Amino acid sequence: MKPTVIMLSGWAHPARAMKPLADRFMGTHEVIMLSTLELTDYAEGLSRLIRERSVPPYVLGWSLGSLLALQVAAEPSAVAGLILLAPTPRFCSDMSFPHGTPDRNLRALSIGLRKNALSALSQFMQDAALPSRLSPQAVQTRVGQALEFGVEQLCRDLKFLQESDQRAIVPTIQTPTLILHGREDRIVPWQAGEWLKERLSNSRLRILDQMGHNLPFNRPDLVYDEAQRFFSEKTA
């Protein structure tokens, strides 16, 4: 039986947005792709899904998905391993955690979504792609996918990002963890990945030069190769 990898997408990206990465894993793993469209109660729904499986799965979380992955991994032996892409324990920065996005940016994005969703999402998609530049067609495709959530769900997910803070549980997580973070990430600073590495006792971090936030799309082969190395080390 193939081991299972549950892939959790980031904000404004439906589950199928993970397909470029999922395709790499299909030959060696059973892949389940999820977003907040399926996980309307966030980590609670993910925990239920994991408990239904006879063998603990691997969980791969990208951005918002990393927050959900950390939450379920706090339960001992719930998951076989974590792969965290552009992760953070807390999305918004404050005096005690400078490695995030200012809360005012998320509030402005929420307001922008209600005023002109196309414009707000187009700018976000370009920011997430940096240092690469998306073509107009690519922006149109990704914005179209994002609008499948509807503005209310997108704003609800922004509220989740504003309020979620997993720093307290991070030191309790014993699950083997691979952290991949782009040094040029404009959405989640790479220092957030470094913060996690320093506090997850069984983790490995790789900072990727000249890479940004969109690791599942821009470098799926690299992510897969790093994951395979991680799986091999774990089973050695």
C-alpha atoms as a PDB file:
ATOM      1  CA  MET A   1       0.000   0.000   0.000  1.00  0.00           C
ATOM      2  CA  LYS A   2       1.331   3.412  -0.963  1.00  0.00           C
ATOM      3  CA  PRO A   3       1.911   5.913   1.847  1.00  0.00           C
ATOM      4  CA  THR A   4      -0.479   8.859   1.824  1.00  0.00           C
ATOM      5  CA  VAL A   5       0.418  12.518   1.432  1.00  0.00           C
ATOM      6  CA  ILE A   6      -2.268  15.072   2.277  1.00  0.00           C
ATOM      7  CA  MET A   7      -1.537  18.358   0.490  1.00  0.00           C
ATOM      8  CA  LEU A   8      -2.995  21.556   1.932  1.00  0.00           C
ATOM      9  CA  SER A   9      -3.120  24.579  -0.354  1.00  0.00           C
ATOM     10  CA  GLY A  10      -2.565  28.213   0.534  1.00  0.00           C
ATOM     11  CA  TRP A  11      -4.925  31.169   0.724  1.00  0.00           C
ATOM     12  CA  ALA A  12      -7.098  31.739  -2.384  1.00  0.00           C
ATOM     13  CA  HIS A  13      -5.881  28.525  -4.029  1.00  0.00           C
ATOM     14  CA  PRO A  14      -8.287  25.595  -4.488  1.00  0.00           C
ATOM     15  CA  ALA A  15      -7.076  22.070  -3.897  1.00  0.00           C
ATOM     16  CA  ARG A  16      -6.356  21.420  -7.571  1.00  0.00           C
ATOM     17  CA  ALA A  17      -3.844  24.279  -7.560  1.00  0.00           C
ATOM     18  CA  MET A  18      -1.498  21.760  -5.934  1.00  0.00           C
ATOM     19  CA  LYS A  19      -1.705  19.461  -8.966  1.00  0.00           C
ATOM     20  CA  PRO A  20       1.718  20.396 -10.455  1.00  0.00           C
ATOM     21  CA  LEU A  21       3.253  19.144  -7.216  1.00  0.00           C
ATOM     22  CA  ALA A  22       0.790  16.300  -6.681  1.00  0.00           C
ATOM     23  CA  ASP A  23       1.606  14.880 -10.119  1.00  0.00           C
ATOM     24  CA  ARG A  24       5.202  14.308  -8.988  1.00  0.00           C
ATOM     25  CA  PHE A  25       4.040  12.263  -5.993  1.00  0.00           C
ATOM     26  CA  MET A  26       1.382  10.170  -7.762  1.00  0.00           C
ATOM     27  CA  GLY A  27       3.754   7.365  -8.693  1.00  0.00           C
ATOM     28  CA  THR A  28       4.973   6.772  -5.156  1.00  0.00           C
ATOM     29  CA  HIS A  29       2.142   8.021  -2.926  1.00  0.00           C
ATOM     30  CA  GLU A  30      -1.585   8.249  -2.600  1.00  0.00           C
ATOM     31  CA  VAL A  31      -2.237  11.994  -2.793  1.00  0.00           C
ATOM     32  CA  ILE A  32      -5.169  13.860  -1.259  1.00  0.00           C
ATOM     33  CA  MET A  33      -5.407  17.551  -2.164  1.00  0.00           C
ATOM     34  CA  LEU A  34      -7.425  19.847   0.101  1.00  0.00           C
ATOM     35  CA  SER A  35      -8.188  23.530   0.568  1.00  0.00           C
ATOM     36  CA  THR A  36     -10.442  25.484   2.895  1.00  0.00           C
ATOM     37  CA  LEU A  37     -13.259  24.813   0.423  1.00  0.00           C
ATOM     38  CA  GLU A  38     -13.194  21.231   1.728  1.00  0.00           C
ATOM     39  CA  LEU A  39     -11.948  22.042   5.242  1.00  0.00           C
ATOM     40  CA  THR A  40     -14.549  24.621   6.210  1.00  0.00           C
ATOM     41  CA  ASP A  41     -13.784  24.026   9.888  1.00  0.00           C
ATOM     42  CA  TYR A  42     -10.048  24.155   9.247  1.00  0.00           C
ATOM     43  CA  ALA A  43      -7.882  21.880  11.432  1.00  0.00           C
ATOM     44  CA  GLU A  44     -10.870  20.118  13.011  1.00  0.00           C
ATOM     45  CA  GLY A  45     -11.931  18.749   9.640  1.00  0.00           C
ATOM     46  CA  LEU A  46      -8.371  17.746   8.829  1.00  0.00           C
ATOM     47  CA  SER A  47      -8.042  15.931  12.151  1.00  0.00           C
ATOM     48  CA  ARG A  48     -11.220  13.958  11.450  1.00  0.00           C
ATOM     49  CA  LEU A  49      -9.911  12.913   8.056  1.00  0.00           C
ATOM     50  CA  ILE A  50      -6.592  11.796   9.535  1.00  0.00           C
ATOM     51  CA  ARG A  51      -8.278   9.780  12.298  1.00  0.00           C
ATOM     52  CA  GLU A  52     -10.260   7.864   9.666  1.00  0.00           C
ATOM     53  CA  ARG A  53      -7.083   6.529   8.082  1.00  0.00           C
ATOM     54  CA  SER A  54      -5.546   3.275   9.285  1.00  0.00           C
ATOM     55  CA  VAL A  55      -1.964   4.518   8.806  1.00  0.00           C
ATOM     56  CA  PRO A  56      -0.784   8.024   9.761  1.00  0.00           C
ATOM     57  CA  PRO A  57      -0.278  10.089   6.587  1.00  0.00           C
ATOM     58  CA  TYR A  58       2.330  12.633   5.682  1.00  0.00           C
ATOM     59  CA  VAL A  59       0.967  16.168   5.632  1.00  0.00           C
ATOM     60  CA  LEU A  60       2.319  18.776   3.225  1.00  0.00           C
ATOM     61  CA  GLY A  61       1.161  22.290   4.040  1.00  0.00           C
ATOM     62  CA  TRP A  62       1.801  25.387   1.973  1.00  0.00           C
ATOM     63  CA  SER A  63       1.456  28.829   3.605  1.00  0.00           C
ATOM     64  CA  LEU A  64      -2.025  28.820   5.209  1.00  0.00           C
ATOM     65  CA  GLY A  65      -1.874  25.052   4.914  1.00  0.00           C
ATOM     66  CA  SER A  66       1.221  25.016   7.119  1.00  0.00           C
ATOM     67  CA  LEU A  67      -0.800  26.448  10.006  1.00  0.00           C
ATOM     68  CA  LEU A  68      -3.289  23.584   9.694  1.00  0.00           C
ATOM     69  CA  ALA A  69      -0.454  21.057   9.421  1.00  0.00           C
ATOM     70  CA  LEU A  70       1.143  22.313  12.632  1.00  0.00           C
ATOM     71  CA  GLN A  71      -2.158  22.074  14.472  1.00  0.00           C
ATOM     72  CA  VAL A  72      -2.800  18.434  13.573  1.00  0.00           C
ATOM     73  CA  ALA A  73       0.830  17.470  14.242  1.00  0.00           C
ATOM     74  CA  ALA A  74       0.456  18.618  17.840  1.00  0.00           C
ATOM     75  CA  GLU A  75      -1.452  15.388  18.472  1.00  0.00           C
ATOM     76  CA  PRO A  76       1.210  12.725  19.150  1.00  0.00           C
ATOM     77  CA  SER A  77       1.664  10.175  16.341  1.00  0.00           C
ATOM     78  CA  ALA A  78      -1.187  11.672  14.297  1.00  0.00           C
ATOM     79  CA  VAL A  79       0.972  12.146  11.206  1.00  0.00           C
ATOM     80  CA  ALA A  80       4.012  10.329   9.848  1.00  0.00           C
ATOM     81  CA  GLY A  81       5.832  13.514   8.914  1.00  0.00           C
ATOM     82  CA  LEU A  82       5.403  17.148   7.949  1.00  0.00           C
ATOM     83  CA  ILE A  83       6.540  18.929   4.801  1.00  0.00           C
ATOM     84  CA  LEU A  84       6.098  22.668   5.266  1.00  0.00           C
ATOM     85  CA  LEU A  85       6.374  25.050   2.307  1.00  0.00           C
ATOM     86  CA  ALA A  86       6.664  28.773   3.065  1.00  0.00           C
ATOM     87  CA  PRO A  87       5.431  28.046   6.585  1.00  0.00           C
ATOM     88  CA  THR A  88       4.788  30.203   9.587  1.00  0.00           C
ATOM     89  CA  PRO A  89       3.470  29.648  13.109  1.00  0.00           C
ATOM     90  CA  ARG A  90       1.794  33.076  12.977  1.00  0.00           C
ATOM     91  CA  PHE A  91       0.922  34.878   9.769  1.00  0.00           C
ATOM     92  CA  CYS A  92       0.671  38.397  11.184  1.00  0.00           C
ATOM     93  CA  SER A  93       3.609  40.173  12.751  1.00  0.00           C
ATOM     94  CA  ASP A  94       3.576  41.901  16.116  1.00  0.00           C
ATOM     95  CA  MET A  95       6.108  43.077  18.706  1.00  0.00           C
ATOM     96  CA  SER A  96       6.838  39.497  19.767  1.00  0.00           C
ATOM     97  CA  PHE A  97       6.974  38.044  16.250  1.00  0.00           C
ATOM     98  CA  PRO A  98       8.410  40.313  13.542  1.00  0.00           C
ATOM     99  CA  HIS A  99       8.586  37.592  10.874  1.00  0.00           C
ATOM    100  CA  GLY A 100       5.124  38.080   9.436  1.00  0.00           C
ATOM    101  CA  THR A 101       2.828  40.332   7.467  1.00  0.00           C
ATOM    102  CA  PRO A 102       1.480  43.475   9.156  1.00  0.00           C
ATOM    103  CA  ASP A 103      -2.112  43.024  10.252  1.00  0.00           C
ATOM    104  CA  ARG A 104      -3.037  46.201   8.388  1.00  0.00           C
ATOM    105  CA  ASN A 105      -2.086  44.516   5.101  1.00  0.00           C
ATOM    106  CA  LEU A 106      -4.631  41.756   5.646  1.00  0.00           C
ATOM    107  CA  ARG A 107      -7.286  44.263   6.675  1.00  0.00           C
ATOM    108  CA  ALA A 108      -6.572  46.256   3.513  1.00  0.00           C
ATOM    109  CA  LEU A 109      -6.766  43.089   1.408  1.00  0.00           C
ATOM    110  CA  SER A 110     -10.118  42.187   2.967  1.00  0.00           C
ATOM    111  CA  ILE A 111     -11.474  45.659   2.186  1.00  0.00           C
ATOM    112  CA  GLY A 112     -10.034  45.456  -1.319  1.00  0.00           C
ATOM    113  CA  LEU A 113     -11.750  42.122  -1.954  1.00  0.00           C
ATOM    114  CA  ARG A 114     -15.125  43.654  -1.179  1.00  0.00           C
ATOM    115  CA  LYS A 115     -14.483  46.724  -3.324  1.00  0.00           C
ATOM    116  CA  ASN A 116     -12.779  45.137  -6.338  1.00  0.00           C
ATOM    117  CA  ALA A 117     -11.969  41.455  -5.973  1.00  0.00           C
ATOM    118  CA  LEU A 118     -10.334  41.169  -9.401  1.00  0.00           C
ATOM    119  CA  SER A 119      -7.861  43.944  -8.659  1.00  0.00           C
ATOM    120  CA  ALA A 120      -7.077  42.773  -5.117  1.00  0.00           C
ATOM    121  CA  LEU A 121      -6.520  39.167  -6.165  1.00  0.00           C
ATOM    122  CA  SER A 122      -4.453  40.113  -9.218  1.00  0.00           C
ATOM    123  CA  GLN A 123      -2.057  42.091  -7.043  1.00  0.00           C
ATOM    124  CA  PHE A 124      -1.826  39.275  -4.498  1.00  0.00           C
ATOM    125  CA  MET A 125      -1.052  36.697  -7.181  1.00  0.00           C
ATOM    126  CA  GLN A 126       1.750  38.861  -8.572  1.00  0.00           C
ATOM    127  CA  ASP A 127       3.190  39.427  -5.083  1.00  0.00           C
ATOM    128  CA  ALA A 128       3.102  35.694  -4.365  1.00  0.00           C
ATOM    129  CA  ALA A 129       4.917  34.956  -7.631  1.00  0.00           C
ATOM    130  CA  LEU A 130       7.859  37.275  -6.951  1.00  0.00           C
ATOM    131  CA  PRO A 131      10.711  37.277  -7.874  1.00  0.00           C
ATOM    132  CA  SER A 132       9.060  35.732 -10.959  1.00  0.00           C
ATOM    133  CA  ARG A 133       6.477  37.658 -12.955  1.00  0.00           C
ATOM    134  CA  LEU A 134       3.171  36.092 -13.963  1.00  0.00           C
ATOM    135  CA  SER A 135       1.828  36.523 -17.465  1.00  0.00           C
ATOM    136  CA  PRO A 136      -1.601  38.160 -17.803  1.00  0.00           C
ATOM    137  CA  GLN A 137      -3.035  34.760 -18.742  1.00  0.00           C
ATOM    138  CA  ALA A 138      -1.554  33.122 -15.628  1.00  0.00           C
ATOM    139  CA  VAL A 139      -2.944  35.897 -13.426  1.00  0.00           C
ATOM    140  CA  GLN A 140      -6.367  35.476 -15.019  1.00  0.00           C
ATOM    141  CA  THR A 141      -6.299  31.721 -14.415  1.00  0.00           C
ATOM    142  CA  ARG A 142      -5.278  32.009 -10.775  1.00  0.00           C
ATOM    143  CA  VAL A 143      -7.720  34.817 -10.033  1.00  0.00           C
ATOM    144  CA  GLY A 144     -10.486  32.752 -11.622  1.00  0.00           C
ATOM    145  CA  GLN A 145      -9.615  29.841  -9.353  1.00  0.00           C
ATOM    146  CA  ALA A 146      -9.524  32.116  -6.312  1.00  0.00           C
ATOM    147  CA  LEU A 147     -12.996  33.453  -7.072  1.00  0.00           C
ATOM    148  CA  GLU A 148     -14.363  29.908  -6.734  1.00  0.00           C
ATOM    149  CA  PHE A 149     -14.095  30.471  -2.984  1.00  0.00           C
ATOM    150  CA  GLY A 150     -16.346  33.532  -3.113  1.00  0.00           C
ATOM    151  CA  VAL A 151     -15.476  36.805  -1.433  1.00  0.00           C
ATOM    152  CA  GLU A 152     -17.019  35.831   1.913  1.00  0.00           C
ATOM    153  CA  GLN A 153     -14.926  32.665   2.211  1.00  0.00           C
ATOM    154  CA  LEU A 154     -11.781  34.497   1.124  1.00  0.00           C
ATOM    155  CA  CYS A 155     -12.376  37.101   3.837  1.00  0.00           C
ATOM    156  CA  ARG A 156     -13.130  34.365   6.369  1.00  0.00           C
ATOM    157  CA  ASP A 157      -9.809  32.730   5.537  1.00  0.00           C
ATOM    158  CA  LEU A 158      -8.043  36.081   5.940  1.00  0.00           C
ATOM    159  CA  LYS A 159      -9.599  36.358   9.392  1.00  0.00           C
ATOM    160  CA  PHE A 160      -8.244  32.884  10.174  1.00  0.00           C
ATOM    161  CA  LEU A 161      -4.783  34.042   9.099  1.00  0.00           C
ATOM    162  CA  GLN A 162      -5.075  37.160  11.246  1.00  0.00           C
ATOM    163  CA  GLU A 163      -6.067  35.206  14.354  1.00  0.00           C
ATOM    164  CA  SER A 164      -4.121  31.947  14.039  1.00  0.00           C
ATOM    165  CA  ASP A 165      -1.092  31.650  16.307  1.00  0.00           C
ATOM    166  CA  GLN A 166       0.520  28.226  16.710  1.00  0.00           C
ATOM    167  CA  ARG A 167       3.696  29.340  18.483  1.00  0.00           C
ATOM    168  CA  ALA A 168       2.732  27.738  21.787  1.00  0.00           C
ATOM    169  CA  ILE A 169       2.310  24.250  20.328  1.00  0.00           C
ATOM    170  CA  VAL A 170       5.391  24.242  18.090  1.00  0.00           C
ATOM    171  CA  PRO A 171       7.892  23.094  20.781  1.00  0.00           C
ATOM    172  CA  THR A 172       5.618  20.138  21.622  1.00  0.00           C
ATOM    173  CA  ILE A 173       5.675  18.724  18.082  1.00  0.00           C
ATOM    174  CA  GLN A 174       7.962  15.704  17.745  1.00  0.00           C
ATOM    175  CA  THR A 175       6.968  14.804  14.186  1.00  0.00           C
ATOM    176  CA  PRO A 176       9.836  14.646  11.657  1.00  0.00           C
ATOM    177  CA  THR A 177       9.561  17.868   9.666  1.00  0.00           C
ATOM    178  CA  LEU A 178      11.018  19.227   6.426  1.00  0.00           C
ATOM    179  CA  ILE A 179      10.861  23.011   5.996  1.00  0.00           C
ATOM    180  CA  LEU A 180      11.381  24.634   2.586  1.00  0.00           C
ATOM    181  CA  HIS A 181      11.304  28.420   2.291  1.00  0.00           C
ATOM    182  CA  GLY A 182      12.173  30.834  -0.512  1.00  0.00           C
ATOM    183  CA  ARG A 183      14.596  33.570   0.460  1.00  0.00           C
ATOM    184  CA  GLU A 184      12.713  36.039  -1.787  1.00  0.00           C
ATOM    185  CA  ASP A 185       9.277  35.219  -0.331  1.00  0.00           C
ATOM    186  CA  ARG A 186       7.222  38.451  -0.169  1.00  0.00           C
ATOM    187  CA  ILE A 187       4.227  36.863   1.586  1.00  0.00           C
ATOM    188  CA  VAL A 188       5.838  34.903   4.444  1.00  0.00           C
ATOM    189  CA  PRO A 189       9.400  36.016   5.308  1.00  0.00           C
ATOM    190  CA  TRP A 190      11.954  33.199   5.283  1.00  0.00           C
ATOM    191  CA  GLN A 191      12.811  34.056   8.884  1.00  0.00           C
ATOM    192  CA  ALA A 192       9.490  32.456   9.872  1.00  0.00           C
ATOM    193  CA  GLY A 193      10.823  29.145   8.574  1.00  0.00           C
ATOM    194  CA  GLU A 194      14.028  29.701  10.518  1.00  0.00           C
ATOM    195  CA  TRP A 195      11.981  30.408  13.660  1.00  0.00           C
ATOM    196  CA  LEU A 196      10.234  27.061  13.223  1.00  0.00           C
ATOM    197  CA  LYS A 197      13.501  25.197  12.649  1.00  0.00           C
ATOM    198  CA  GLU A 198      14.901  26.526  15.913  1.00  0.00           C
ATOM    199  CA  ARG A 199      11.896  25.225  17.873  1.00  0.00           C
ATOM    200  CA  LEU A 200      10.930  21.993  16.113  1.00  0.00           C
ATOM    201  CA  SER A 201      13.267  19.444  17.647  1.00  0.00           C
ATOM    202  CA  ASN A 202      13.082  16.974  14.751  1.00  0.00           C
ATOM    203  CA  SER A 203      13.271  19.264  11.733  1.00  0.00           C
ATOM    204  CA  ARG A 204      15.417  20.161   8.752  1.00  0.00           C
ATOM    205  CA  LEU A 205      15.350  23.542   6.987  1.00  0.00           C
ATOM    206  CA  ARG A 206      16.422  24.509   3.498  1.00  0.00           C
ATOM    207  CA  ILE A 207      16.311  28.166   2.459  1.00  0.00           C
ATOM    208  CA  LEU A 208      16.051  28.397  -1.334  1.00  0.00           C
ATOM    209  CA  ASP A 209      17.912  31.291  -2.935  1.00  0.00           C
ATOM    210  CA  GLN A 210      16.161  33.266  -5.679  1.00  0.00           C
ATOM    211  CA  MET A 211      12.854  31.593  -4.830  1.00  0.00           C
ATOM    212  CA  GLY A 212       9.642  33.173  -3.585  1.00  0.00           C
ATOM    213  CA  HIS A 213       6.332  32.038  -2.129  1.00  0.00           C
ATOM    214  CA  ASN A 214       4.993  29.845  -4.935  1.00  0.00           C
ATOM    215  CA  LEU A 215       7.130  26.759  -4.368  1.00  0.00           C
ATOM    216  CA  PRO A 216       4.413  24.248  -5.413  1.00  0.00           C
ATOM    217  CA  PHE A 217       4.203  25.867  -8.863  1.00  0.00           C
ATOM    218  CA  ASN A 218       7.653  27.265  -9.539  1.00  0.00           C
ATOM    219  CA  ARG A 219       9.780  24.328  -8.381  1.00  0.00           C
ATOM    220  CA  PRO A 220       7.635  21.205  -7.969  1.00  0.00           C
ATOM    221  CA  ASP A 221      10.548  18.974  -9.025  1.00  0.00           C
ATOM    222  CA  LEU A 222      12.812  20.456  -6.371  1.00  0.00           C
ATOM    223  CA  VAL A 223      10.116  20.083  -3.704  1.00  0.00           C
ATOM    224  CA  TYR A 224       9.558  16.466  -4.704  1.00  0.00           C
ATOM    225  CA  ASP A 225      13.277  15.664  -4.678  1.00  0.00           C
ATOM    226  CA  GLU A 226      13.675  17.220  -1.231  1.00  0.00           C
ATOM    227  CA  ALA A 227      10.641  15.291  -0.009  1.00  0.00           C
ATOM    228  CA  GLN A 228      12.021  12.008  -1.340  1.00  0.00           C
ATOM    229  CA  ARG A 229      15.294  12.654   0.452  1.00  0.00           C
ATOM    230  CA  PHE A 230      13.317  13.415   3.604  1.00  0.00           C
ATOM    231  CA  PHE A 231      11.302  10.188   3.290  1.00  0.00           C
ATOM    232  CA  SER A 232      14.513   8.197   2.771  1.00  0.00           C
ATOM    233  CA  GLU A 233      16.179   9.711   5.826  1.00  0.00           C
ATOM    234  CA  LYS A 234      13.104   9.025   7.925  1.00  0.00           C
ATOM    235  CA  THR A 235      12.956   5.338   6.979  1.00  0.00           C
ATOM    236  CA  ALA A 236      16.716   4.708   7.042  1.00  0.00           C
END
